[in-house]
Amino acid sequence: MHLRLESTSSIAELEVVENLSGAVATVPARVWVGYTDAGIKVACYITRVAVEAEEDQGPFEAELAAQPHTRSAPMSIPLRLVL
């Protein structure tokens, strides 16, 4: 499967439960929207993006920082949708 994604200005606050202690933490995630090769619309909640160490990270960081963002209220995502 391939996804074609575009960053949005939305930052979602995801509630993450730590399995061992049951503690709940809130993690910010930028919302990216797009579609699959079959045309199915998707929303992805990205908490981390890594750029290869040998790549120049400056342009990526500048482009991401230039993207305006707004924070949403904390939300829960059904576990069956989490990979």
N, C-alpha and C. Protein backbone atom coordinates (compact mmCIF):
# COMPACT_ATOMS: atom_id res chain seq x y z
N MET A 1 0.84 -1.17 0.00
CA MET A 1 0.00 0.00 0.00
C MET A 1 0.89 1.24 0.00
N HIS A 2 0.46 2.24 -0.73
CA HIS A 2 1.14 3.53 -0.76
C HIS A 2 0.16 4.60 -0.30
N LEU A 3 0.69 5.57 0.44
CA LEU A 3 -0.10 6.72 0.86
C LEU A 3 0.50 7.98 0.27
N ARG A 4 -0.35 8.88 -0.16
CA ARG A 4 0.08 10.20 -0.61
C ARG A 4 -0.47 11.16 0.43
N LEU A 5 0.42 11.85 1.16
CA LEU A 5 0.02 12.68 2.29
C LEU A 5 0.40 14.13 2.11
N GLU A 6 -0.39 15.00 2.72
CA GLU A 6 -0.10 16.44 2.78
C GLU A 6 -0.27 16.90 4.22
N SER A 7 0.67 17.70 4.68
CA SER A 7 0.59 18.22 6.03
C SER A 7 -0.54 19.23 6.13
N THR A 8 -1.20 19.26 7.29
CA THR A 8 -2.22 20.27 7.56
C THR A 8 -1.71 21.19 8.65
N SER A 9 -2.49 22.17 8.99
CA SER A 9 -2.11 23.09 10.06
C SER A 9 -2.58 22.61 11.43
N SER A 10 -3.23 21.46 11.49
CA SER A 10 -3.78 20.95 12.75
C SER A 10 -2.76 20.13 13.54
N ILE A 11 -2.69 20.40 14.84
CA ILE A 11 -1.91 19.60 15.77
C ILE A 11 -2.91 18.96 16.72
N ALA A 12 -2.98 17.64 16.72
CA ALA A 12 -3.89 16.93 17.61
C ALA A 12 -3.15 16.53 18.88
N GLU A 13 -3.85 16.54 19.99
CA GLU A 13 -3.29 16.08 21.25
C GLU A 13 -3.81 14.66 21.46
N LEU A 14 -2.92 13.67 21.33
CA LEU A 14 -3.31 12.27 21.47
C LEU A 14 -3.06 11.81 22.90
N GLU A 15 -4.00 11.09 23.45
CA GLU A 15 -3.83 10.52 24.78
C GLU A 15 -3.27 9.11 24.61
N VAL A 16 -2.12 8.86 25.22
CA VAL A 16 -1.44 7.58 25.11
C VAL A 16 -1.41 6.94 26.48
N VAL A 17 -1.83 5.67 26.56
CA VAL A 17 -1.82 4.95 27.82
C VAL A 17 -0.60 4.05 27.86
N GLU A 18 0.18 4.18 28.93
CA GLU A 18 1.35 3.32 29.12
C GLU A 18 0.84 2.00 29.68
N ASN A 19 1.10 0.89 28.98
CA ASN A 19 0.53 -0.40 29.33
C ASN A 19 0.86 -0.88 30.74
N LEU A 20 2.10 -0.73 31.17
CA LEU A 20 2.51 -1.30 32.45
C LEU A 20 1.91 -0.57 33.64
N SER A 21 1.95 0.75 33.62
CA SER A 21 1.48 1.51 34.78
C SER A 21 0.06 2.02 34.61
N GLY A 22 -0.43 2.08 33.39
CA GLY A 22 -1.74 2.64 33.13
C GLY A 22 -1.75 4.16 33.09
N ALA A 23 -0.56 4.77 33.21
CA ALA A 23 -0.46 6.22 33.18
C ALA A 23 -0.85 6.75 31.79
N VAL A 24 -1.48 7.91 31.77
CA VAL A 24 -1.90 8.54 30.52
C VAL A 24 -1.03 9.75 30.26
N ALA A 25 -0.49 9.83 29.06
CA ALA A 25 0.31 10.99 28.65
C ALA A 25 -0.34 11.59 27.41
N THR A 26 -0.18 12.90 27.23
CA THR A 26 -0.68 13.58 26.04
C THR A 26 0.50 13.87 25.13
N VAL A 27 0.38 13.46 23.86
CA VAL A 27 1.45 13.61 22.88
C VAL A 27 0.93 14.44 21.71
N PRO A 28 1.65 15.50 21.31
CA PRO A 28 1.21 16.26 20.13
C PRO A 28 1.52 15.51 18.85
N ALA A 29 0.61 15.58 17.90
CA ALA A 29 0.81 14.94 16.60
C ALA A 29 0.26 15.85 15.51
N ARG A 30 1.07 16.09 14.48
CA ARG A 30 0.57 16.88 13.34
C ARG A 30 -0.34 15.98 12.51
N VAL A 31 -1.46 16.54 12.07
CA VAL A 31 -2.42 15.79 11.25
C VAL A 31 -2.02 15.95 9.79
N TRP A 32 -1.86 14.82 9.11
CA TRP A 32 -1.60 14.78 7.68
C TRP A 32 -2.79 14.08 7.04
N VAL A 33 -3.25 14.57 5.90
CA VAL A 33 -4.38 13.94 5.20
C VAL A 33 -3.93 13.54 3.80
N GLY A 34 -4.63 12.57 3.26
CA GLY A 34 -4.27 12.12 1.91
C GLY A 34 -5.15 10.97 1.48
N TYR A 35 -4.57 10.11 0.64
CA TYR A 35 -5.33 8.99 0.10
C TYR A 35 -4.39 7.86 -0.31
N THR A 36 -4.98 6.68 -0.44
CA THR A 36 -4.22 5.51 -0.88
C THR A 36 -4.24 5.45 -2.40
N ASP A 37 -3.50 4.49 -2.96
CA ASP A 37 -3.52 4.29 -4.41
C ASP A 37 -4.93 3.98 -4.92
N ALA A 38 -5.75 3.37 -4.07
CA ALA A 38 -7.11 3.03 -4.45
C ALA A 38 -8.09 4.19 -4.27
N GLY A 39 -7.59 5.34 -3.78
CA GLY A 39 -8.43 6.51 -3.63
C GLY A 39 -9.14 6.62 -2.29
N ILE A 40 -8.76 5.79 -1.33
CA ILE A 40 -9.38 5.84 -0.01
C ILE A 40 -8.78 7.00 0.78
N LYS A 41 -9.64 7.88 1.31
CA LYS A 41 -9.16 9.03 2.08
C LYS A 41 -8.68 8.57 3.44
N VAL A 42 -7.55 9.14 3.89
CA VAL A 42 -6.99 8.79 5.19
C VAL A 42 -6.56 10.05 5.93
N ALA A 43 -6.49 9.93 7.24
CA ALA A 43 -5.89 10.95 8.10
C ALA A 43 -4.83 10.23 8.92
N CYS A 44 -3.64 10.83 9.02
CA CYS A 44 -2.55 10.25 9.78
C CYS A 44 -2.14 11.23 10.86
N TYR A 45 -1.87 10.72 12.03
CA TYR A 45 -1.45 11.53 13.17
C TYR A 45 0.02 11.25 13.42
N ILE A 46 0.88 12.12 12.92
CA ILE A 46 2.32 11.90 12.91
C ILE A 46 2.96 12.55 14.13
N THR A 47 3.61 11.74 14.95
CA THR A 47 4.29 12.27 16.13
C THR A 47 5.79 12.43 15.91
N ARG A 48 6.35 11.70 14.97
CA ARG A 48 7.79 11.77 14.70
C ARG A 48 8.03 11.62 13.21
N VAL A 49 9.00 12.37 12.69
CA VAL A 49 9.47 12.22 11.31
C VAL A 49 10.98 12.25 11.37
N ALA A 50 11.62 11.28 10.76
CA ALA A 50 13.09 11.23 10.77
C ALA A 50 13.62 11.48 9.36
N VAL A 51 14.65 12.29 9.28
CA VAL A 51 15.34 12.54 8.02
C VAL A 51 16.65 11.77 8.10
N GLU A 52 17.02 11.09 7.04
CA GLU A 52 18.27 10.32 7.02
C GLU A 52 19.43 11.19 7.48
N ALA A 53 20.32 10.61 8.27
CA ALA A 53 21.44 11.36 8.88
C ALA A 53 22.32 12.03 7.83
N GLU A 54 22.52 11.40 6.69
CA GLU A 54 23.40 11.98 5.68
C GLU A 54 22.73 13.06 4.83
N GLU A 55 21.42 13.22 4.98
CA GLU A 55 20.68 14.25 4.25
C GLU A 55 20.81 15.60 4.96
N ASP A 56 20.69 16.68 4.19
CA ASP A 56 20.66 18.03 4.76
C ASP A 56 19.28 18.23 5.37
N GLN A 57 19.19 18.33 6.69
CA GLN A 57 17.91 18.42 7.37
C GLN A 57 17.35 19.85 7.40
N GLY A 58 18.18 20.84 7.10
CA GLY A 58 17.76 22.24 7.17
C GLY A 58 16.52 22.57 6.36
N PRO A 59 16.47 22.21 5.08
CA PRO A 59 15.28 22.55 4.28
C PRO A 59 14.00 21.91 4.81
N PHE A 60 14.11 20.66 5.27
CA PHE A 60 12.91 20.00 5.83
C PHE A 60 12.44 20.71 7.08
N GLU A 61 13.37 21.02 8.00
CA GLU A 61 13.01 21.69 9.24
C GLU A 61 12.42 23.07 8.98
N ALA A 62 12.98 23.80 8.01
CA ALA A 62 12.47 25.14 7.68
C ALA A 62 11.06 25.05 7.10
N GLU A 63 10.83 24.08 6.22
CA GLU A 63 9.51 23.92 5.60
C GLU A 63 8.47 23.54 6.65
N LEU A 64 8.83 22.65 7.58
CA LEU A 64 7.89 22.24 8.62
C LEU A 64 7.62 23.40 9.59
N ALA A 65 8.64 24.16 9.95
CA ALA A 65 8.47 25.29 10.87
C ALA A 65 7.61 26.38 10.24
N ALA A 66 7.67 26.53 8.92
CA ALA A 66 6.89 27.56 8.23
C ALA A 66 5.41 27.22 8.16
N GLN A 67 5.08 25.94 8.36
CA GLN A 67 3.69 25.50 8.32
C GLN A 67 2.98 26.00 9.57
N PRO A 68 1.96 26.86 9.43
CA PRO A 68 1.25 27.32 10.62
C PRO A 68 0.52 26.15 11.28
N HIS A 69 0.24 26.25 12.55
CA HIS A 69 -0.47 25.16 13.19
C HIS A 69 -1.42 25.67 14.27
N THR A 70 -2.46 24.88 14.47
CA THR A 70 -3.43 25.13 15.53
C THR A 70 -3.59 23.84 16.31
N ARG A 71 -3.77 23.96 17.62
CA ARG A 71 -3.93 22.77 18.46
C ARG A 71 -5.40 22.47 18.66
N SER A 72 -5.72 21.18 18.66
CA SER A 72 -7.09 20.76 18.91
C SER A 72 -7.18 20.21 20.33
N ALA A 73 -8.39 19.97 20.78
CA ALA A 73 -8.60 19.37 22.10
C ALA A 73 -8.08 17.94 22.08
N PRO A 74 -7.69 17.40 23.25
CA PRO A 74 -7.23 16.00 23.29
C PRO A 74 -8.28 15.07 22.70
N MET A 75 -7.82 14.03 22.02
CA MET A 75 -8.74 13.10 21.39
C MET A 75 -8.25 11.68 21.59
N SER A 76 -9.13 10.74 21.45
CA SER A 76 -8.78 9.33 21.53
C SER A 76 -9.01 8.71 20.17
N ILE A 77 -8.11 7.79 19.79
CA ILE A 77 -8.23 7.08 18.53
C ILE A 77 -8.46 5.61 18.87
N PRO A 78 -9.45 4.94 18.26
CA PRO A 78 -9.67 3.54 18.56
C PRO A 78 -8.40 2.72 18.31
N LEU A 79 -8.08 1.83 19.24
CA LEU A 79 -6.86 1.05 19.17
C LEU A 79 -6.75 0.25 17.87
N ARG A 80 -7.89 -0.18 17.31
CA ARG A 80 -7.85 -0.95 16.06
C ARG A 80 -7.31 -0.15 14.89
N LEU A 81 -7.27 1.19 15.03
CA LEU A 81 -6.76 2.04 13.95
C LEU A 81 -5.29 2.42 14.13
N VAL A 82 -4.69 1.97 15.23
CA VAL A 82 -3.30 2.30 15.51
C VAL A 82 -2.41 1.16 15.06
N LEU A 83 -1.38 1.51 14.28
CA LEU A 83 -0.45 0.47 13.81
C LEU A 83 0.71 0.36 14.73
